[in-house]
Amino acid sequence: MNKRLSLVLLLIVTTALLAGCTEFNEPIYDNSEGFWNEYIVWPLVSSITYFKEILGTYGLGIIAVTIIIRLVLLPLMIKQTKSSKNMQEVQPELTKLKEKYSSKDAVTQQKYQQEMMALFKERGINPAAGCLPVFIQMPILIGFYHAISRMNNTPEINLGDFIGFALAEPSIFLAILAGLMQLVVLRTGPAMDNPQMKLMMYIMPFMIMGFGIVLPAALTLYWVIGNIISIIQNLFIYKPWNKPKTEPVKTGGPKK
């Protein structure tokens, strides 16, 4: 329940930040003032522009910057993914602890918490690791949104097209692609074995599609490339093709 609440709060904060900021309609330059402009938006704009000059298009520039950002975050993402995997593997032991300390009095619950934390420490699990990469990526994602929006409102910058898509305009195709790839990310990750995450597995793709339909294709392209990297990461860590198949439950009594 706490995970669901955290997700809802995160969506509310993200929506408020995206909808409430009026500065994204203004152009962006190297002398734009403010902490957000100087340390988030302009570095992203200048990085995208730098790789555009090297690679030829803003689309390839966005892809290059996305790959670099994900590579920088990769150690943290791998740690988070492994922690989620370990958390999934320890679920049977957590269930036993809950049954052992089923009483709701304070003393029993304190013992339950102590043994649970000892189990986490023994298995190298950090319960907060699952949320940390999400909160770290949010300023980058919002920064990308502002960077793309303000580049589009800067007369000196023309985002142009990429493989037939106008980067400054929404793309339904890229939005659907991003949503479907988000589903693959969740299907190849811990959500496929965690009943508590199944709700997120079905909500997130539609949420990504909804944002992608109204936001510039340049931002949706960032999601698509980021999801490709996440899928590769999940395949290497979780190896879903090695997952043993669950034996079907036999029904009916013994033969007489």
C-alpha atoms as a PDB file:
ATOM      1  CA  MET A   1       0.000   0.000   0.000  1.00  0.00           C
ATOM      2  CA  ASN A   2       2.887   2.363   0.767  1.00  0.00           C
ATOM      3  CA  LYS A   3       4.336   1.716  -2.691  1.00  0.00           C
ATOM      4  CA  ARG A   4       1.027   2.586  -4.327  1.00  0.00           C
ATOM      5  CA  LEU A   5       0.715   5.749  -2.251  1.00  0.00           C
ATOM      6  CA  SER A   6       4.269   6.756  -3.153  1.00  0.00           C
ATOM      7  CA  LEU A   7       3.494   6.231  -6.840  1.00  0.00           C
ATOM      8  CA  VAL A   8       0.315   8.327  -6.644  1.00  0.00           C
ATOM      9  CA  LEU A   9       2.131  11.133  -4.804  1.00  0.00           C
ATOM     10  CA  LEU A  10       4.942  11.003  -7.353  1.00  0.00           C
ATOM     11  CA  LEU A  11       2.463  11.341 -10.217  1.00  0.00           C
ATOM     12  CA  ILE A  12       0.735  14.257  -8.499  1.00  0.00           C
ATOM     13  CA  VAL A  13       4.028  16.095  -7.930  1.00  0.00           C
ATOM     14  CA  THR A  14       5.137  15.435 -11.515  1.00  0.00           C
ATOM     15  CA  THR A  15       1.840  16.664 -12.969  1.00  0.00           C
ATOM     16  CA  ALA A  16       1.948  19.766 -10.789  1.00  0.00           C
ATOM     17  CA  LEU A  17       5.493  20.552 -11.874  1.00  0.00           C
ATOM     18  CA  LEU A  18       4.716  20.020 -15.549  1.00  0.00           C
ATOM     19  CA  ALA A  19       1.478  21.975 -15.496  1.00  0.00           C
ATOM     20  CA  GLY A  20       2.355  24.677 -13.006  1.00  0.00           C
ATOM     21  CA  CYS A  21       5.566  26.038 -14.471  1.00  0.00           C
ATOM     22  CA  THR A  22       4.997  28.939 -16.863  1.00  0.00           C
ATOM     23  CA  GLU A  23       8.674  29.557 -17.676  1.00  0.00           C
ATOM     24  CA  PHE A  24       8.775  26.708 -20.218  1.00  0.00           C
ATOM     25  CA  ASN A  25       7.099  29.027 -22.758  1.00  0.00           C
ATOM     26  CA  GLU A  26      10.138  31.320 -22.705  1.00  0.00           C
ATOM     27  CA  PRO A  27      13.276  30.877 -24.847  1.00  0.00           C
ATOM     28  CA  ILE A  28      16.436  29.469 -23.276  1.00  0.00           C
ATOM     29  CA  TYR A  29      19.939  30.949 -23.558  1.00  0.00           C
ATOM     30  CA  ASP A  30      23.265  30.501 -21.794  1.00  0.00           C
ATOM     31  CA  ASN A  31      22.594  33.657 -19.759  1.00  0.00           C
ATOM     32  CA  SER A  32      19.130  32.553 -18.547  1.00  0.00           C
ATOM     33  CA  GLU A  33      19.040  33.105 -14.799  1.00  0.00           C
ATOM     34  CA  GLY A  34      17.873  30.838 -12.008  1.00  0.00           C
ATOM     35  CA  PHE A  35      19.181  27.634 -10.447  1.00  0.00           C
ATOM     36  CA  TRP A  36      16.892  25.401 -12.552  1.00  0.00           C
ATOM     37  CA  ASN A  37      17.956  27.102 -15.782  1.00  0.00           C
ATOM     38  CA  GLU A  38      21.664  27.187 -14.987  1.00  0.00           C
ATOM     39  CA  TYR A  39      22.137  23.686 -13.614  1.00  0.00           C
ATOM     40  CA  ILE A  40      19.391  21.577 -15.222  1.00  0.00           C
ATOM     41  CA  VAL A  41      17.782  23.049 -18.328  1.00  0.00           C
ATOM     42  CA  TRP A  42      20.701  24.813 -20.020  1.00  0.00           C
ATOM     43  CA  PRO A  43      23.202  21.929 -19.508  1.00  0.00           C
ATOM     44  CA  LEU A  44      20.671  19.601 -21.161  1.00  0.00           C
ATOM     45  CA  VAL A  45      20.052  22.059 -24.006  1.00  0.00           C
ATOM     46  CA  SER A  46      23.757  22.626 -24.611  1.00  0.00           C
ATOM     47  CA  SER A  47      24.487  18.882 -24.470  1.00  0.00           C
ATOM     48  CA  ILE A  48      21.734  18.074 -26.987  1.00  0.00           C
ATOM     49  CA  THR A  49      22.943  20.898 -29.242  1.00  0.00           C
ATOM     50  CA  TYR A  50      26.567  19.714 -28.955  1.00  0.00           C
ATOM     51  CA  PHE A  51      25.715  16.193 -30.105  1.00  0.00           C
ATOM     52  CA  LYS A  52      23.393  17.604 -32.791  1.00  0.00           C
ATOM     53  CA  GLU A  53      26.393  19.419 -34.275  1.00  0.00           C
ATOM     54  CA  ILE A  54      28.367  16.157 -34.253  1.00  0.00           C
ATOM     55  CA  LEU A  55      25.651  13.730 -35.373  1.00  0.00           C
ATOM     56  CA  GLY A  56      23.599  15.975 -37.625  1.00  0.00           C
ATOM     57  CA  THR A  57      20.101  16.045 -36.091  1.00  0.00           C
ATOM     58  CA  TYR A  58      18.492  16.972 -32.786  1.00  0.00           C
ATOM     59  CA  GLY A  59      16.909  13.511 -32.699  1.00  0.00           C
ATOM     60  CA  LEU A  60      20.320  11.833 -32.643  1.00  0.00           C
ATOM     61  CA  GLY A  61      21.477  14.460 -30.141  1.00  0.00           C
ATOM     62  CA  ILE A  62      18.612  13.532 -27.797  1.00  0.00           C
ATOM     63  CA  ILE A  63      19.419   9.826 -28.198  1.00  0.00           C
ATOM     64  CA  ALA A  64      23.101  10.441 -27.410  1.00  0.00           C
ATOM     65  CA  VAL A  65      22.317  12.487 -24.286  1.00  0.00           C
ATOM     66  CA  THR A  66      19.747   9.900 -23.152  1.00  0.00           C
ATOM     67  CA  ILE A  67      22.297   7.085 -23.469  1.00  0.00           C
ATOM     68  CA  ILE A  68      24.907   9.094 -21.545  1.00  0.00           C
ATOM     69  CA  ILE A  69      22.455   9.890 -18.735  1.00  0.00           C
ATOM     70  CA  ARG A  70      21.385   6.249 -18.466  1.00  0.00           C
ATOM     71  CA  LEU A  71      25.014   5.088 -18.454  1.00  0.00           C
ATOM     72  CA  VAL A  72      25.770   7.512 -15.617  1.00  0.00           C
ATOM     73  CA  LEU A  73      22.754   6.179 -13.697  1.00  0.00           C
ATOM     74  CA  LEU A  74      23.455   2.556 -14.660  1.00  0.00           C
ATOM     75  CA  PRO A  75      25.307   1.528 -11.451  1.00  0.00           C
ATOM     76  CA  LEU A  76      22.433   2.879  -9.354  1.00  0.00           C
ATOM     77  CA  MET A  77      19.840   1.240 -11.628  1.00  0.00           C
ATOM     78  CA  ILE A  78      21.621  -2.123 -11.472  1.00  0.00           C
ATOM     79  CA  LYS A  79      21.818  -1.895  -7.700  1.00  0.00           C
ATOM     80  CA  GLN A  80      18.107  -1.071  -7.547  1.00  0.00           C
ATOM     81  CA  THR A  81      17.219  -3.928  -9.897  1.00  0.00           C
ATOM     82  CA  LYS A  82      19.284  -6.439  -7.955  1.00  0.00           C
ATOM     83  CA  SER A  83      17.739  -5.209  -4.711  1.00  0.00           C
ATOM     84  CA  SER A  84      14.262  -5.724  -6.204  1.00  0.00           C
ATOM     85  CA  LYS A  85      15.270  -9.220  -7.299  1.00  0.00           C
ATOM     86  CA  ASN A  86      16.584 -10.039  -3.827  1.00  0.00           C
ATOM     87  CA  MET A  87      13.392  -8.639  -2.302  1.00  0.00           C
ATOM     88  CA  GLN A  88      11.357 -10.954  -4.519  1.00  0.00           C
ATOM     89  CA  GLU A  89      13.459 -13.970  -3.525  1.00  0.00           C
ATOM     90  CA  VAL A  90      13.078 -13.221   0.198  1.00  0.00           C
ATOM     91  CA  GLN A  91       9.267 -12.952   0.081  1.00  0.00           C
ATOM     92  CA  PRO A  92       8.682 -16.528   1.394  1.00  0.00           C
ATOM     93  CA  GLU A  93      10.808 -15.780   4.459  1.00  0.00           C
ATOM     94  CA  LEU A  94       8.989 -12.491   5.009  1.00  0.00           C
ATOM     95  CA  THR A  95       5.692 -14.371   4.877  1.00  0.00           C
ATOM     96  CA  LYS A  96       6.937 -16.751   7.559  1.00  0.00           C
ATOM     97  CA  LEU A  97       7.988 -13.813   9.730  1.00  0.00           C
ATOM     98  CA  LYS A  98       4.533 -12.256   9.382  1.00  0.00           C
ATOM     99  CA  GLU A  99       2.937 -15.541  10.438  1.00  0.00           C
ATOM    100  CA  LYS A 100       5.384 -15.875  13.335  1.00  0.00           C
ATOM    101  CA  TYR A 101       4.672 -12.345  14.582  1.00  0.00           C
ATOM    102  CA  SER A 102       1.012 -12.107  13.608  1.00  0.00           C
ATOM    103  CA  SER A 103       0.043 -10.405  16.871  1.00  0.00           C
ATOM    104  CA  LYS A 104      -0.433  -6.632  16.496  1.00  0.00           C
ATOM    105  CA  ASP A 105       0.830  -5.602  19.938  1.00  0.00           C
ATOM    106  CA  ALA A 106       3.779  -3.199  20.024  1.00  0.00           C
ATOM    107  CA  VAL A 107       6.331  -5.660  21.463  1.00  0.00           C
ATOM    108  CA  THR A 108       5.593  -8.332  18.851  1.00  0.00           C
ATOM    109  CA  GLN A 109       5.682  -5.835  16.007  1.00  0.00           C
ATOM    110  CA  GLN A 110       9.000  -4.448  17.261  1.00  0.00           C
ATOM    111  CA  LYS A 111      10.485  -7.960  17.186  1.00  0.00           C
ATOM    112  CA  TYR A 112       9.072  -8.434  13.696  1.00  0.00           C
ATOM    113  CA  GLN A 113      10.699  -5.222  12.494  1.00  0.00           C
ATOM    114  CA  GLN A 114      14.032  -6.184  14.066  1.00  0.00           C
ATOM    115  CA  GLU A 115      14.086  -9.639  12.450  1.00  0.00           C
ATOM    116  CA  MET A 116      12.928  -8.235   9.115  1.00  0.00           C
ATOM    117  CA  MET A 117      15.705  -5.618   9.088  1.00  0.00           C
ATOM    118  CA  ALA A 118      18.230  -8.293  10.109  1.00  0.00           C
ATOM    119  CA  LEU A 119      17.053 -10.408   7.179  1.00  0.00           C
ATOM    120  CA  PHE A 120      17.379  -7.444   4.810  1.00  0.00           C
ATOM    121  CA  LYS A 121      20.897  -6.758   6.086  1.00  0.00           C
ATOM    122  CA  GLU A 122      21.886 -10.409   5.686  1.00  0.00           C
ATOM    123  CA  ARG A 123      20.642 -10.480   2.083  1.00  0.00           C
ATOM    124  CA  GLY A 124      22.016  -7.037   1.221  1.00  0.00           C
ATOM    125  CA  ILE A 125      18.583  -5.533   0.582  1.00  0.00           C
ATOM    126  CA  ASN A 126      17.928  -1.808   0.841  1.00  0.00           C
ATOM    127  CA  PRO A 127      14.131  -1.234   0.977  1.00  0.00           C
ATOM    128  CA  ALA A 128      14.585   2.382  -0.131  1.00  0.00           C
ATOM    129  CA  ALA A 129      16.644   1.420  -3.190  1.00  0.00           C
ATOM    130  CA  GLY A 130      13.545   0.827  -5.301  1.00  0.00           C
ATOM    131  CA  CYS A 131      12.373   4.441  -5.093  1.00  0.00           C
ATOM    132  CA  LEU A 132      15.743   6.214  -5.227  1.00  0.00           C
ATOM    133  CA  PRO A 133      16.381   5.897  -8.993  1.00  0.00           C
ATOM    134  CA  VAL A 134      12.854   7.120  -9.711  1.00  0.00           C
ATOM    135  CA  PHE A 135      13.301  10.264  -7.621  1.00  0.00           C
ATOM    136  CA  ILE A 136      16.745  10.881  -9.146  1.00  0.00           C
ATOM    137  CA  GLN A 137      15.367  10.582 -12.684  1.00  0.00           C
ATOM    138  CA  MET A 138      12.389  12.876 -12.090  1.00  0.00           C
ATOM    139  CA  PRO A 139      14.403  16.166 -12.175  1.00  0.00           C
ATOM    140  CA  ILE A 140      16.094  14.897 -15.350  1.00  0.00           C
ATOM    141  CA  LEU A 141      12.769  13.976 -16.958  1.00  0.00           C
ATOM    142  CA  ILE A 142      11.181  17.307 -15.996  1.00  0.00           C
ATOM    143  CA  GLY A 143      14.384  19.059 -17.100  1.00  0.00           C
ATOM    144  CA  PHE A 144      14.119  17.325 -20.475  1.00  0.00           C
ATOM    145  CA  TYR A 145      10.522  18.478 -20.770  1.00  0.00           C
ATOM    146  CA  HIS A 146      11.507  22.080 -20.043  1.00  0.00           C
ATOM    147  CA  ALA A 147      14.602  21.879 -22.273  1.00  0.00           C
ATOM    148  CA  ILE A 148      12.649  20.567 -25.270  1.00  0.00           C
ATOM    149  CA  SER A 149       9.756  23.008 -24.719  1.00  0.00           C
ATOM    150  CA  ARG A 150      12.046  26.009 -24.374  1.00  0.00           C
ATOM    151  CA  MET A 151      14.244  24.964 -27.303  1.00  0.00           C
ATOM    152  CA  ASN A 152      11.046  24.876 -29.344  1.00  0.00           C
ATOM    153  CA  ASN A 153      10.270  28.443 -28.193  1.00  0.00           C
ATOM    154  CA  THR A 154      13.767  29.715 -28.972  1.00  0.00           C
ATOM    155  CA  PRO A 155      13.819  31.354 -32.436  1.00  0.00           C
ATOM    156  CA  GLU A 156      17.437  30.326 -33.067  1.00  0.00           C
ATOM    157  CA  ILE A 157      16.637  26.617 -32.602  1.00  0.00           C
ATOM    158  CA  ASN A 158      14.702  24.387 -34.992  1.00  0.00           C
ATOM    159  CA  LEU A 159      14.258  20.875 -33.619  1.00  0.00           C
ATOM    160  CA  GLY A 160      13.290  19.601 -37.063  1.00  0.00           C
ATOM    161  CA  ASP A 161      12.274  16.033 -37.852  1.00  0.00           C
ATOM    162  CA  PHE A 162      13.607  12.623 -36.904  1.00  0.00           C
ATOM    163  CA  ILE A 163      12.719   9.532 -38.968  1.00  0.00           C
ATOM    164  CA  GLY A 164       9.581  11.294 -40.138  1.00  0.00           C
ATOM    165  CA  PHE A 165       8.425  12.691 -36.765  1.00  0.00           C
ATOM    166  CA  ALA A 166       8.348  16.413 -35.963  1.00  0.00           C
ATOM    167  CA  LEU A 167      10.223  16.535 -32.654  1.00  0.00           C
ATOM    168  CA  ALA A 168       8.436  19.674 -31.509  1.00  0.00           C
ATOM    169  CA  GLU A 169       4.986  18.110 -31.973  1.00  0.00           C
ATOM    170  CA  PRO A 170       3.311  15.153 -30.205  1.00  0.00           C
ATOM    171  CA  SER A 171       3.555  11.786 -31.953  1.00  0.00           C
ATOM    172  CA  ILE A 172       0.823   9.213 -31.336  1.00  0.00           C
ATOM    173  CA  PHE A 173       3.017   6.474 -32.818  1.00  0.00           C
ATOM    174  CA  LEU A 174       5.954   7.213 -30.504  1.00  0.00           C
ATOM    175  CA  ALA A 175       3.553   7.539 -27.559  1.00  0.00           C
ATOM    176  CA  ILE A 176       2.103   4.076 -28.213  1.00  0.00           C
ATOM    177  CA  LEU A 177       5.602   2.662 -28.786  1.00  0.00           C
ATOM    178  CA  ALA A 178       6.828   4.156 -25.498  1.00  0.00           C
ATOM    179  CA  GLY A 179       3.834   2.715 -23.639  1.00  0.00           C
ATOM    180  CA  LEU A 180       4.283  -0.760 -25.138  1.00  0.00           C
ATOM    181  CA  MET A 181       7.990  -0.719 -24.342  1.00  0.00           C
ATOM    182  CA  GLN A 182       7.197   0.340 -20.779  1.00  0.00           C
ATOM    183  CA  LEU A 183       5.012  -2.767 -20.546  1.00  0.00           C
ATOM    184  CA  VAL A 184       7.948  -4.887 -21.763  1.00  0.00           C
ATOM    185  CA  VAL A 185      10.186  -3.241 -19.139  1.00  0.00           C
ATOM    186  CA  LEU A 186       7.751  -4.217 -16.403  1.00  0.00           C
ATOM    187  CA  ARG A 187       7.165  -7.705 -17.818  1.00  0.00           C
ATOM    188  CA  THR A 188      10.904  -8.442 -17.857  1.00  0.00           C
ATOM    189  CA  GLY A 189      11.468  -6.983 -14.388  1.00  0.00           C
ATOM    190  CA  PRO A 190      10.295  -7.747 -10.845  1.00  0.00           C
ATOM    191  CA  ALA A 191       6.653  -6.904 -11.603  1.00  0.00           C
ATOM    192  CA  MET A 192       6.116 -10.197 -13.427  1.00  0.00           C
ATOM    193  CA  ASP A 193       6.481 -12.161 -10.162  1.00  0.00           C
ATOM    194  CA  ASN A 194       5.161  -9.602  -7.683  1.00  0.00           C
ATOM    195  CA  PRO A 195       1.356  -9.442  -7.315  1.00  0.00           C
ATOM    196  CA  GLN A 196       1.663  -6.077  -5.525  1.00  0.00           C
ATOM    197  CA  MET A 197       3.300  -4.548  -8.623  1.00  0.00           C
ATOM    198  CA  LYS A 198       0.805  -5.905 -11.169  1.00  0.00           C
ATOM    199  CA  LEU A 199      -1.362  -2.803 -10.801  1.00  0.00           C
ATOM    200  CA  MET A 200       1.607  -0.607 -11.705  1.00  0.00           C
ATOM    201  CA  MET A 201       2.389  -2.944 -14.606  1.00  0.00           C
ATOM    202  CA  TYR A 202      -0.961  -2.137 -16.206  1.00  0.00           C
ATOM    203  CA  ILE A 203      -1.216   1.547 -15.217  1.00  0.00           C
ATOM    204  CA  MET A 204       2.263   2.771 -16.190  1.00  0.00           C
ATOM    205  CA  PRO A 205       2.070   2.012 -19.951  1.00  0.00           C
ATOM    206  CA  PHE A 206      -1.235   3.886 -20.277  1.00  0.00           C
ATOM    207  CA  MET A 207       0.167   6.776 -18.254  1.00  0.00           C
ATOM    208  CA  ILE A 208       3.214   6.969 -20.554  1.00  0.00           C
ATOM    209  CA  MET A 209       0.936   6.861 -23.606  1.00  0.00           C
ATOM    210  CA  GLY A 210      -1.237   9.627 -22.160  1.00  0.00           C
ATOM    211  CA  PHE A 211       1.743  11.912 -21.550  1.00  0.00           C
ATOM    212  CA  GLY A 212       3.254  11.016 -24.934  1.00  0.00           C
ATOM    213  CA  ILE A 213       0.110  11.993 -26.822  1.00  0.00           C
ATOM    214  CA  VAL A 214       0.244  15.595 -25.530  1.00  0.00           C
ATOM    215  CA  LEU A 215       3.999  16.155 -25.014  1.00  0.00           C
ATOM    216  CA  PRO A 216       6.591  16.828 -27.747  1.00  0.00           C
ATOM    217  CA  ALA A 217       7.891  13.771 -29.614  1.00  0.00           C
ATOM    218  CA  ALA A 218      11.403  14.715 -28.500  1.00  0.00           C
ATOM    219  CA  LEU A 219      10.499  13.844 -24.913  1.00  0.00           C
ATOM    220  CA  THR A 220       8.733  10.638 -25.973  1.00  0.00           C
ATOM    221  CA  LEU A 221      11.906   9.697 -27.850  1.00  0.00           C
ATOM    222  CA  TYR A 222      13.773  10.018 -24.533  1.00  0.00           C
ATOM    223  CA  TRP A 223      11.307   7.515 -22.979  1.00  0.00           C
ATOM    224  CA  VAL A 224      11.671   5.084 -25.892  1.00  0.00           C
ATOM    225  CA  ILE A 225      15.479   5.036 -25.740  1.00  0.00           C
ATOM    226  CA  GLY A 226      15.455   4.848 -21.941  1.00  0.00           C
ATOM    227  CA  ASN A 227      13.064   1.880 -22.069  1.00  0.00           C
ATOM    228  CA  ILE A 228      15.286   0.061 -24.566  1.00  0.00           C
ATOM    229  CA  ILE A 229      18.182   0.367 -22.119  1.00  0.00           C
ATOM    230  CA  SER A 230      15.950  -0.811 -19.247  1.00  0.00           C
ATOM    231  CA  ILE A 231      14.827  -3.863 -21.231  1.00  0.00           C
ATOM    232  CA  ILE A 232      18.439  -4.844 -21.985  1.00  0.00           C
ATOM    233  CA  GLN A 233      19.316  -4.341 -18.315  1.00  0.00           C
ATOM    234  CA  ASN A 234      16.405  -6.507 -17.144  1.00  0.00           C
ATOM    235  CA  LEU A 235      17.254  -9.255 -19.621  1.00  0.00           C
ATOM    236  CA  PHE A 236      20.824  -9.446 -18.324  1.00  0.00           C
ATOM    237  CA  ILE A 237      19.876  -9.362 -14.639  1.00  0.00           C
ATOM    238  CA  TYR A 238      16.587 -11.294 -14.487  1.00  0.00           C
ATOM    239  CA  LYS A 239      17.137 -13.659 -17.447  1.00  0.00           C
ATOM    240  CA  PRO A 240      13.382 -14.367 -17.817  1.00  0.00           C
ATOM    241  CA  TRP A 241      14.062 -17.163 -20.324  1.00  0.00           C
ATOM    242  CA  ASN A 242      15.659 -19.154 -17.467  1.00  0.00           C
ATOM    243  CA  LYS A 243      12.619 -18.743 -15.224  1.00  0.00           C
ATOM    244  CA  PRO A 244      11.288 -22.226 -14.351  1.00  0.00           C
ATOM    245  CA  LYS A 245       7.739 -22.836 -15.439  1.00  0.00           C
ATOM    246  CA  THR A 246       5.187 -23.306 -12.696  1.00  0.00           C
ATOM    247  CA  GLU A 247       3.813 -26.830 -12.600  1.00  0.00           C
ATOM    248  CA  PRO A 248       0.050 -26.938 -13.154  1.00  0.00           C
ATOM    249  CA  VAL A 249      -2.000 -27.684 -10.082  1.00  0.00           C
ATOM    250  CA  LYS A 250      -3.581 -31.128 -10.298  1.00  0.00           C
ATOM    251  CA  THR A 251      -7.234 -31.308  -9.444  1.00  0.00           C
ATOM    252  CA  GLY A 252      -9.363 -34.266  -8.492  1.00  0.00           C
ATOM    253  CA  GLY A 253      -8.835 -36.991  -5.946  1.00  0.00           C
ATOM    254  CA  PRO A 254      -6.558 -40.015  -6.227  1.00  0.00           C
ATOM    255  CA  LYS A 255      -7.547 -42.788  -8.569  1.00  0.00           C
ATOM    256  CA  LYS A 256      -9.234 -45.736  -6.884  1.00  0.00           C
END
